[in-house]
Amino acid sequence: MNQNKFKYSGITPLPSTFLIEQAVLNILLTNPKVFNEVSSILKKDFFYFKSHQIIYEKIENLYENNLPINLTTIINRLEDYGLLDEIGGLEKISTIINKFESVSNLESYLVILNEKYLRRSIIEVGKKVLSGAIPAELLLMKS
């Protein structure tokens, strides 16, 4: 086995789940009526991958402007903002839209996304404490 194939970079990846992020975006793009139900819960920061954050922001933007949420409008919105290439182009959107995900799984997917987001947030606070940006005493103080 080639021992040089995998090298440890010294960087531990933050908690994330690429497939569930894609699944949630698929559900929102193929069942746009559910956005109303999840818009108060789901936030951009729940998505770890930048391309997924961008796609979610544009879905949210379409919703806020009472525009239809579908393949055509999301591609148009990404093109309008010059972000289509940044998210991976039409291939990325096609990959997301062509997956079959059941709306019935959305609630459990949101729980997982939230859990990954909370874990990333805790890690970020820990990094700030270790770097001295946040004094540890502040975390121990009671309100």
C-alpha atoms as a PDB file:
ATOM      1  CA  MET A   1       0.000   0.000   0.000  1.00  0.00           C
ATOM      2  CA  ASN A   2       1.243   3.448  -0.862  1.00  0.00           C
ATOM      3  CA  GLN A   3       1.824   5.155   2.467  1.00  0.00           C
ATOM      4  CA  ASN A   4       2.016   8.573   0.820  1.00  0.00           C
ATOM      5  CA  LYS A   5      -1.539   8.300  -0.442  1.00  0.00           C
ATOM      6  CA  PHE A   6      -3.041   9.711   2.751  1.00  0.00           C
ATOM      7  CA  LYS A   7      -1.137  12.327   4.657  1.00  0.00           C
ATOM      8  CA  TYR A   8      -2.280  13.819   7.912  1.00  0.00           C
ATOM      9  CA  SER A   9      -2.599  17.554   7.454  1.00  0.00           C
ATOM     10  CA  GLY A  10      -2.753  18.310  11.163  1.00  0.00           C
ATOM     11  CA  ILE A  11      -6.183  19.826  10.715  1.00  0.00           C
ATOM     12  CA  THR A  12      -9.186  18.006  12.091  1.00  0.00           C
ATOM     13  CA  PRO A  13     -12.286  18.625   9.992  1.00  0.00           C
ATOM     14  CA  LEU A  14     -15.169  20.284  11.754  1.00  0.00           C
ATOM     15  CA  PRO A  15     -18.390  18.315  12.251  1.00  0.00           C
ATOM     16  CA  SER A  16     -20.422  18.331   9.048  1.00  0.00           C
ATOM     17  CA  THR A  17     -22.492  16.115   6.817  1.00  0.00           C
ATOM     18  CA  PHE A  18     -22.262  16.813   3.104  1.00  0.00           C
ATOM     19  CA  LEU A  19     -24.976  14.361   2.063  1.00  0.00           C
ATOM     20  CA  ILE A  20     -27.563  15.602   4.547  1.00  0.00           C
ATOM     21  CA  GLU A  21     -26.886  19.202   3.564  1.00  0.00           C
ATOM     22  CA  GLN A  22     -27.513  18.222  -0.057  1.00  0.00           C
ATOM     23  CA  ALA A  23     -30.636  16.285   0.947  1.00  0.00           C
ATOM     24  CA  VAL A  24     -32.107  19.308   2.742  1.00  0.00           C
ATOM     25  CA  LEU A  25     -31.430  21.534  -0.265  1.00  0.00           C
ATOM     26  CA  ASN A  26     -33.033  18.922  -2.523  1.00  0.00           C
ATOM     27  CA  ILE A  27     -36.163  18.877  -0.377  1.00  0.00           C
ATOM     28  CA  LEU A  28     -36.378  22.676  -0.352  1.00  0.00           C
ATOM     29  CA  LEU A  29     -35.943  22.909  -4.123  1.00  0.00           C
ATOM     30  CA  THR A  30     -38.347  20.095  -4.981  1.00  0.00           C
ATOM     31  CA  ASN A  31     -40.929  20.820  -2.261  1.00  0.00           C
ATOM     32  CA  PRO A  32     -40.758  24.599  -1.836  1.00  0.00           C
ATOM     33  CA  LYS A  33     -43.893  24.785   0.304  1.00  0.00           C
ATOM     34  CA  VAL A  34     -41.960  23.260   3.212  1.00  0.00           C
ATOM     35  CA  PHE A  35     -39.678  26.289   3.323  1.00  0.00           C
ATOM     36  CA  ASN A  36     -42.374  28.197   5.161  1.00  0.00           C
ATOM     37  CA  GLU A  37     -42.368  25.507   7.868  1.00  0.00           C
ATOM     38  CA  VAL A  38     -38.596  25.429   8.342  1.00  0.00           C
ATOM     39  CA  SER A  39     -37.610  29.039   7.653  1.00  0.00           C
ATOM     40  CA  SER A  40     -37.787  29.991  11.335  1.00  0.00           C
ATOM     41  CA  ILE A  41     -35.639  26.997  12.341  1.00  0.00           C
ATOM     42  CA  LEU A  42     -33.129  26.518   9.546  1.00  0.00           C
ATOM     43  CA  LYS A  43     -30.300  29.039   9.274  1.00  0.00           C
ATOM     44  CA  LYS A  44     -27.516  29.495   6.753  1.00  0.00           C
ATOM     45  CA  ASP A  45     -24.916  28.593   9.392  1.00  0.00           C
ATOM     46  CA  PHE A  46     -26.427  25.117   9.770  1.00  0.00           C
ATOM     47  CA  PHE A  47     -24.733  24.408   6.433  1.00  0.00           C
ATOM     48  CA  TYR A  48     -20.993  23.877   6.723  1.00  0.00           C
ATOM     49  CA  PHE A  49     -20.099  23.880   3.039  1.00  0.00           C
ATOM     50  CA  LYS A  50     -19.915  27.329   1.447  1.00  0.00           C
ATOM     51  CA  SER A  51     -21.685  26.246  -1.750  1.00  0.00           C
ATOM     52  CA  HIS A  52     -24.595  24.921   0.320  1.00  0.00           C
ATOM     53  CA  GLN A  53     -24.742  28.146   2.337  1.00  0.00           C
ATOM     54  CA  ILE A  54     -24.932  30.169  -0.873  1.00  0.00           C
ATOM     55  CA  ILE A  55     -27.676  27.992  -2.347  1.00  0.00           C
ATOM     56  CA  TYR A  56     -29.661  28.184   0.885  1.00  0.00           C
ATOM     57  CA  GLU A  57     -29.282  31.996   1.006  1.00  0.00           C
ATOM     58  CA  LYS A  58     -30.663  32.269  -2.511  1.00  0.00           C
ATOM     59  CA  ILE A  59     -33.592  29.956  -1.706  1.00  0.00           C
ATOM     60  CA  GLU A  60     -34.285  32.128   1.335  1.00  0.00           C
ATOM     61  CA  ASN A  61     -34.034  35.250  -0.824  1.00  0.00           C
ATOM     62  CA  LEU A  62     -36.530  33.857  -3.337  1.00  0.00           C
ATOM     63  CA  TYR A  63     -38.909  33.007  -0.506  1.00  0.00           C
ATOM     64  CA  GLU A  64     -38.613  36.454   1.102  1.00  0.00           C
ATOM     65  CA  ASN A  65     -39.382  38.086  -2.245  1.00  0.00           C
ATOM     66  CA  ASN A  66     -42.429  35.858  -2.861  1.00  0.00           C
ATOM     67  CA  LEU A  67     -40.795  34.335  -5.932  1.00  0.00           C
ATOM     68  CA  PRO A  68     -41.200  30.684  -6.861  1.00  0.00           C
ATOM     69  CA  ILE A  69     -38.528  28.335  -5.571  1.00  0.00           C
ATOM     70  CA  ASN A  70     -37.528  25.946  -8.344  1.00  0.00           C
ATOM     71  CA  LEU A  71     -34.605  24.921 -10.518  1.00  0.00           C
ATOM     72  CA  THR A  72     -35.049  27.791 -12.964  1.00  0.00           C
ATOM     73  CA  THR A  73     -35.361  30.544 -10.366  1.00  0.00           C
ATOM     74  CA  ILE A  74     -32.460  29.302  -8.234  1.00  0.00           C
ATOM     75  CA  ILE A  75     -30.156  29.105 -11.261  1.00  0.00           C
ATOM     76  CA  ASN A  76     -31.288  32.561 -12.369  1.00  0.00           C
ATOM     77  CA  ARG A  77     -30.725  34.005  -8.881  1.00  0.00           C
ATOM     78  CA  LEU A  78     -27.237  32.460  -8.659  1.00  0.00           C
ATOM     79  CA  GLU A  79     -26.380  33.833 -12.112  1.00  0.00           C
ATOM     80  CA  ASP A  80     -27.708  37.301 -11.166  1.00  0.00           C
ATOM     81  CA  TYR A  81     -25.289  37.409  -8.242  1.00  0.00           C
ATOM     82  CA  GLY A  82     -22.401  35.874 -10.194  1.00  0.00           C
ATOM     83  CA  LEU A  83     -22.377  32.860  -7.883  1.00  0.00           C
ATOM     84  CA  LEU A  84     -23.249  29.970 -10.181  1.00  0.00           C
ATOM     85  CA  ASP A  85     -19.615  29.076 -10.899  1.00  0.00           C
ATOM     86  CA  GLU A  86     -18.655  29.588  -7.250  1.00  0.00           C
ATOM     87  CA  ILE A  87     -21.118  26.926  -6.078  1.00  0.00           C
ATOM     88  CA  GLY A  88     -19.995  24.413  -8.719  1.00  0.00           C
ATOM     89  CA  GLY A  89     -22.084  25.450 -11.705  1.00  0.00           C
ATOM     90  CA  LEU A  90     -25.068  23.740 -13.236  1.00  0.00           C
ATOM     91  CA  GLU A  91     -23.535  20.368 -12.386  1.00  0.00           C
ATOM     92  CA  LYS A  92     -23.783  21.090  -8.652  1.00  0.00           C
ATOM     93  CA  ILE A  93     -27.414  22.203  -8.891  1.00  0.00           C
ATOM     94  CA  SER A  94     -28.230  19.191 -11.095  1.00  0.00           C
ATOM     95  CA  THR A  95     -26.639  16.833  -8.589  1.00  0.00           C
ATOM     96  CA  ILE A  96     -28.723  18.310  -5.787  1.00  0.00           C
ATOM     97  CA  ILE A  97     -31.995  18.455  -7.693  1.00  0.00           C
ATOM     98  CA  ASN A  98     -31.686  14.938  -9.149  1.00  0.00           C
ATOM     99  CA  LYS A  99     -31.400  13.218  -5.788  1.00  0.00           C
ATOM    100  CA  PHE A 100     -34.584  11.728  -4.456  1.00  0.00           C
ATOM    101  CA  GLU A 101     -35.247  12.746  -0.880  1.00  0.00           C
ATOM    102  CA  SER A 102     -38.470  12.290   1.004  1.00  0.00           C
ATOM    103  CA  VAL A 103     -39.996  15.265   2.786  1.00  0.00           C
ATOM    104  CA  SER A 104     -40.746  12.859   5.628  1.00  0.00           C
ATOM    105  CA  ASN A 105     -37.004  12.792   6.407  1.00  0.00           C
ATOM    106  CA  LEU A 106     -36.666  16.562   6.661  1.00  0.00           C
ATOM    107  CA  GLU A 107     -37.248  16.820  10.401  1.00  0.00           C
ATOM    108  CA  SER A 108     -34.568  14.248  11.231  1.00  0.00           C
ATOM    109  CA  TYR A 109     -32.174  15.896   8.752  1.00  0.00           C
ATOM    110  CA  LEU A 110     -32.707  19.260  10.460  1.00  0.00           C
ATOM    111  CA  VAL A 111     -31.933  17.708  13.848  1.00  0.00           C
ATOM    112  CA  ILE A 112     -28.649  16.357  12.456  1.00  0.00           C
ATOM    113  CA  LEU A 113     -27.731  19.684  10.811  1.00  0.00           C
ATOM    114  CA  ASN A 114     -28.454  21.528  14.050  1.00  0.00           C
ATOM    115  CA  GLU A 115     -26.359  19.070  16.062  1.00  0.00           C
ATOM    116  CA  LYS A 116     -23.394  19.475  13.675  1.00  0.00           C
ATOM    117  CA  TYR A 117     -23.798  23.257  13.806  1.00  0.00           C
ATOM    118  CA  LEU A 118     -23.843  23.260  17.624  1.00  0.00           C
ATOM    119  CA  ARG A 119     -20.749  21.062  17.754  1.00  0.00           C
ATOM    120  CA  ARG A 120     -18.919  23.425  15.362  1.00  0.00           C
ATOM    121  CA  SER A 121     -19.995  26.390  17.504  1.00  0.00           C
ATOM    122  CA  ILE A 122     -18.668  24.747  20.665  1.00  0.00           C
ATOM    123  CA  ILE A 123     -15.362  23.998  18.950  1.00  0.00           C
ATOM    124  CA  GLU A 124     -15.098  27.627  17.785  1.00  0.00           C
ATOM    125  CA  VAL A 125     -15.712  28.916  21.321  1.00  0.00           C
ATOM    126  CA  GLY A 126     -13.089  26.478  22.598  1.00  0.00           C
ATOM    127  CA  LYS A 127     -10.581  27.768  20.051  1.00  0.00           C
ATOM    128  CA  LYS A 128     -11.255  31.351  21.158  1.00  0.00           C
ATOM    129  CA  VAL A 129     -10.778  30.406  24.803  1.00  0.00           C
ATOM    130  CA  LEU A 130      -7.509  28.630  23.999  1.00  0.00           C
ATOM    131  CA  SER A 131      -6.261  31.577  21.965  1.00  0.00           C
ATOM    132  CA  GLY A 132      -7.152  34.011  24.740  1.00  0.00           C
ATOM    133  CA  ALA A 133      -9.746  35.830  22.650  1.00  0.00           C
ATOM    134  CA  ILE A 134     -12.349  34.880  25.254  1.00  0.00           C
ATOM    135  CA  PRO A 135     -11.154  34.701  28.860  1.00  0.00           C
ATOM    136  CA  ALA A 136     -12.107  31.351  30.381  1.00  0.00           C
ATOM    137  CA  GLU A 137     -13.397  33.186  33.454  1.00  0.00           C
ATOM    138  CA  LEU A 138     -16.217  34.691  31.376  1.00  0.00           C
ATOM    139  CA  LEU A 139     -17.473  31.231  30.534  1.00  0.00           C
ATOM    140  CA  LEU A 140     -17.505  30.233  34.195  1.00  0.00           C
ATOM    141  CA  MET A 141     -19.371  33.325  35.413  1.00  0.00           C
ATOM    142  CA  LYS A 142     -23.034  32.917  36.262  1.00  0.00           C
ATOM    143  CA  SER A 143     -25.576  35.450  35.082  1.00  0.00           C
END
